[in-house]
Protein backbone atom coordinates (compact mmCIF):
# COMPACT_ATOMS: atom_id res chain seq x y z
CA MET A 1 -53.06 -36.32 35.39
CA TYR A 2 -52.66 -36.90 39.11
CA GLN A 3 -51.18 -34.32 41.46
CA LEU A 4 -49.33 -35.59 44.52
CA TYR A 5 -48.64 -33.20 47.38
CA ILE A 6 -45.72 -34.36 49.49
CA GLY A 7 -43.69 -33.06 52.39
CA SER A 8 -39.93 -33.12 52.89
CA LYS A 9 -38.22 -36.02 51.13
CA ASN A 10 -35.69 -36.24 53.91
CA TYR A 11 -38.23 -36.55 56.69
CA SER A 12 -41.59 -37.58 55.26
CA SER A 13 -42.00 -41.35 55.41
CA TRP A 14 -45.70 -41.05 54.60
CA SER A 15 -45.06 -39.11 51.39
CA LEU A 16 -42.62 -41.70 50.06
CA ARG A 17 -45.25 -44.45 49.85
CA PRO A 18 -47.59 -43.11 47.16
CA TRP A 19 -44.68 -41.40 45.39
CA ILE A 20 -42.74 -44.64 44.88
CA LEU A 21 -45.89 -46.41 43.72
CA LEU A 22 -46.53 -43.83 41.04
CA LYS A 23 -42.88 -43.90 40.00
CA HIS A 24 -42.54 -47.68 39.88
CA PHE A 25 -45.66 -48.20 37.80
CA ASN A 26 -44.81 -45.31 35.44
CA ILE A 27 -48.00 -43.41 36.22
CA GLU A 28 -47.81 -39.77 35.19
CA PHE A 29 -48.21 -37.27 37.99
CA VAL A 30 -47.24 -33.78 38.98
CA GLU A 31 -45.19 -33.62 42.15
CA MET A 32 -46.14 -30.73 44.43
CA THR A 33 -44.08 -29.93 47.51
CA ALA A 34 -46.30 -28.70 50.31
CA PRO A 35 -45.30 -25.46 52.06
CA LEU A 36 -43.96 -25.88 55.58
CA ASP A 37 -45.01 -22.54 56.97
CA GLY A 38 -47.90 -23.62 59.14
CA GLU A 39 -51.13 -25.56 59.16
CA GLN A 40 -53.14 -22.88 57.38
CA ALA A 41 -50.99 -23.26 54.27
CA TYR A 42 -51.90 -26.94 54.11
CA ARG A 43 -55.58 -26.20 54.45
CA GLU A 44 -55.49 -24.32 51.18
CA TYR A 45 -55.63 -27.66 49.41
CA LEU A 46 -56.70 -30.16 52.10
CA GLU A 47 -59.07 -29.68 55.00
CA SER A 48 -57.20 -32.10 57.26
CA GLY A 49 -53.97 -30.16 56.77
CA LEU A 50 -51.98 -33.36 56.22
CA VAL A 51 -49.65 -34.64 53.49
CA PRO A 52 -49.35 -36.67 51.39
CA CYS A 53 -52.45 -35.83 49.41
CA LEU A 54 -53.35 -37.22 45.99
CA TYR A 55 -55.54 -35.23 43.64
CA ASP A 56 -57.36 -36.83 40.71
CA LYS A 57 -58.72 -33.69 39.10
CA GLU A 58 -61.02 -32.22 41.78
CA PHE A 59 -61.16 -35.40 43.90
CA ASN A 60 -58.58 -35.86 46.66
CA VAL A 61 -57.38 -38.75 48.82
CA TRP A 62 -55.25 -37.94 51.88
CA ASP A 63 -54.20 -41.24 53.44
CA CYS A 64 -51.30 -43.19 51.91
CA LEU A 65 -52.98 -46.61 52.16
CA ALA A 66 -56.24 -45.20 50.80
CA MET A 67 -54.23 -43.66 47.95
CA ALA A 68 -52.72 -47.06 47.18
CA GLU A 69 -56.15 -48.69 47.10
CA TYR A 70 -57.50 -45.88 44.94
CA LEU A 71 -54.65 -46.24 42.44
CA ALA A 72 -55.01 -50.03 42.44
CA GLU A 73 -58.59 -49.69 41.21
CA SER A 74 -57.13 -48.56 37.88
CA HIS A 75 -53.84 -50.48 38.19
CA PRO A 76 -54.66 -53.87 39.76
CA GLN A 77 -51.08 -55.08 39.20
CA MET A 78 -50.18 -53.04 42.27
CA TRP A 79 -51.39 -55.98 44.37
CA PRO A 80 -50.12 -59.58 44.00
CA GLU A 81 -52.01 -61.62 41.45
CA HIS A 82 -52.91 -64.63 43.57
CA THR A 83 -55.69 -64.44 46.15
CA ARG A 84 -53.77 -65.53 49.25
CA ALA A 85 -50.72 -63.47 48.43
CA ARG A 86 -52.97 -60.46 47.80
CA ALA A 87 -54.75 -60.96 51.13
CA ARG A 88 -51.44 -61.28 52.96
CA ALA A 89 -50.07 -58.19 51.22
CA ARG A 90 -53.09 -56.23 52.44
CA CYS A 91 -52.58 -57.56 55.96
CA ILE A 92 -48.95 -56.54 56.22
CA SER A 93 -49.62 -53.18 54.57
CA ALA A 94 -52.30 -52.42 57.13
CA GLU A 95 -50.01 -53.57 59.94
CA MET A 96 -47.30 -51.22 58.72
CA HIS A 97 -49.80 -48.39 58.35
CA SER A 98 -51.01 -48.58 61.95
CA GLY A 99 -48.20 -50.28 63.84
CA PHE A 100 -44.54 -50.23 64.82
CA SER A 101 -44.85 -47.08 66.91
CA ASN A 102 -41.82 -47.98 69.02
CA LEU A 103 -39.59 -48.17 65.97
CA ARG A 104 -40.98 -44.90 64.61
CA CYS A 105 -40.18 -43.21 67.92
CA VAL A 106 -36.64 -44.54 68.25
CA LEU A 107 -35.67 -44.18 64.58
CA PRO A 108 -37.34 -41.07 63.09
CA MET A 109 -37.08 -40.74 59.32
CA ASN A 110 -33.93 -38.83 58.34
CA ILE A 111 -32.36 -39.98 55.08
CA LYS A 112 -29.33 -37.70 55.47
CA LEU A 113 -28.42 -39.35 58.74
CA ARG A 114 -25.71 -42.01 58.98
CA VAL A 115 -24.97 -43.45 62.41
CA GLN A 116 -22.69 -46.22 63.56
CA GLY A 117 -25.48 -48.15 65.21
CA GLY A 118 -26.05 -48.83 68.86
CA ASP A 119 -28.20 -50.68 71.31
CA LEU A 120 -31.93 -50.16 70.76
CA ALA A 121 -34.76 -50.28 73.24
CA LEU A 122 -36.28 -53.75 73.62
CA SER A 123 -39.61 -52.52 72.27
CA ALA A 124 -37.94 -51.28 69.06
CA LYS A 125 -36.02 -54.54 68.72
CA ARG A 126 -39.29 -56.42 68.87
CA ASP A 127 -40.72 -54.24 66.10
CA ILE A 128 -37.66 -54.98 63.96
CA GLU A 129 -37.93 -58.71 64.64
CA ARG A 130 -41.57 -58.60 63.57
CA ILE A 131 -40.70 -56.70 60.39
CA CYS A 132 -37.98 -59.20 59.49
CA SER A 133 -40.46 -62.01 60.06
CA ILE A 134 -42.99 -60.30 57.78
CA TRP A 135 -40.41 -59.85 55.04
CA ARG A 136 -39.23 -63.46 55.34
CA GLU A 137 -42.72 -64.94 55.14
CA ALA A 138 -43.76 -62.72 52.23
CA ARG A 139 -40.70 -63.62 50.18
CA GLN A 140 -41.12 -67.32 50.96
CA LEU A 141 -44.76 -67.12 49.92
CA ALA A 142 -43.78 -65.54 46.62
CA GLY A 143 -41.20 -68.18 45.78
CA THR A 144 -39.47 -66.11 43.10
CA GLY A 145 -38.68 -62.46 42.54
CA PRO A 146 -36.73 -59.98 44.62
CA TYR A 147 -39.61 -58.15 46.31
CA LEU A 148 -41.97 -59.11 49.12
CA PHE A 149 -44.37 -61.01 46.91
CA GLY A 150 -42.09 -61.48 43.94
CA ALA A 151 -43.03 -58.43 41.89
CA PHE A 152 -43.04 -54.92 43.38
CA SER A 153 -46.40 -54.17 45.01
CA ILE A 154 -48.14 -51.84 47.44
CA ALA A 155 -46.63 -53.88 50.27
CA ASP A 156 -43.12 -52.87 49.18
CA ALA A 157 -44.18 -49.23 48.97
CA MET A 158 -45.59 -49.38 52.49
CA TYR A 159 -42.30 -50.73 53.89
CA ALA A 160 -40.02 -48.45 51.84
CA PRO A 161 -39.63 -45.88 54.66
CA ILE A 162 -38.68 -48.65 57.09
CA VAL A 163 -35.92 -49.66 54.70
CA TRP A 164 -34.51 -46.13 54.94
CA ARG A 165 -34.77 -46.08 58.73
CA LEU A 166 -32.96 -49.39 59.11
CA HIS A 167 -30.28 -48.30 56.63
CA CYS A 168 -29.66 -44.81 57.99
CA TYR A 169 -29.43 -45.99 61.60
CA ASN A 170 -27.21 -48.92 60.59
CA VAL A 171 -29.47 -51.50 62.23
CA PRO A 172 -28.02 -55.02 61.95
CA LEU A 173 -30.37 -57.44 60.19
CA PRO A 174 -30.50 -61.16 59.48
CA ASP A 175 -29.07 -62.06 56.09
CA ASP A 176 -32.43 -62.54 54.36
CA ALA A 177 -33.76 -59.20 55.62
CA ALA A 178 -30.52 -57.46 54.63
CA ILE A 179 -30.86 -58.84 51.11
CA TYR A 180 -34.36 -57.37 50.79
CA ARG A 181 -33.21 -54.05 52.27
CA ASP A 182 -30.46 -53.85 49.66
CA VAL A 183 -32.87 -54.73 46.84
CA MET A 184 -35.08 -51.86 47.89
CA LEU A 185 -32.19 -49.43 48.28
CA ALA A 186 -31.14 -50.24 44.71
CA HIS A 187 -34.60 -49.42 43.32
CA PRO A 188 -34.25 -46.44 40.92
CA ALA A 189 -37.12 -44.58 42.59
CA MET A 190 -35.57 -45.02 46.05
CA GLN A 191 -32.32 -43.60 44.71
CA GLU A 192 -34.16 -40.70 43.09
CA TRP A 193 -35.94 -39.97 46.38
CA GLU A 194 -32.60 -40.03 48.20
CA ARG A 195 -31.11 -37.52 45.76
CA GLY A 196 -34.04 -35.22 46.44
CA ALA A 197 -33.64 -35.64 50.20
CA LEU A 198 -29.93 -34.87 50.10
CA ALA A 199 -30.59 -31.70 48.11
CA GLU A 200 -32.97 -30.29 50.72
CA THR A 201 -31.86 -27.61 53.17
CA LEU A 202 -34.75 -27.99 55.62
CA ILE A 203 -33.72 -28.96 59.16
CA LEU A 204 -36.37 -30.26 61.57
CA THR A 205 -36.12 -30.52 65.33
CA GLN A 206 -36.41 -33.85 67.12
CA GLU A 207 -39.95 -32.87 68.11
CA ASP A 208 -40.84 -32.21 64.47
CA MET A 209 -39.42 -35.57 63.39
CA LEU A 210 -41.38 -37.42 66.05
CA SER A 211 -44.53 -35.62 64.93
CA GLU A 212 -43.93 -36.89 61.40
CA ALA A 213 -43.12 -40.38 62.63
CA PHE A 214 -46.55 -40.64 64.22
CA GLY A 215 -48.48 -39.34 61.26
CA GLY A 216 -47.81 -35.62 61.37
CA ARG A 217 -47.99 -33.12 58.54
CA ARG A 218 -44.71 -33.91 56.86
């Protein structure tokens, strides 16, 4: 059985991605919450000191996109069935993995947060416009089904934290993007993750949240 080490559910966007994949595809795993008392504690189970980290017996994978690819080797349904859709899903997953730094900076992950909205920096607006364009094209390519390529895939898992950011900061979206956001928010695993986040007592500083947003420990 897999073991998945995660950080805070309220703050850790990176941890959500492999977690929701395992949940959606009903893959058995043991959830392990990483200690938050310093880098040395992380190094007890991972040399890089970063979470999330997936263990398959003694073998570990410590990058969320690499985890997804590793899991898809045994569960190919995690990627779209058709060649072009699968290639596009990989493209947008990689873009999410390495991009949108302006949005991450302006809207750090914080599921407990509810704001009234406000004017965003132009750079963050451009990130959001690009994300909406990605969602629109993926759903048009699929033709049917509520998720990015019809059925839930790794691409949806990669964008799940963005859904929370846009929701918690009350970012206005075009109708088609808002429909997809709401589909994702209604996913049972997203709701389970939210319940876990709301139950946490950990409070991070703005500096801590920005560290997580750019690939930090949590």
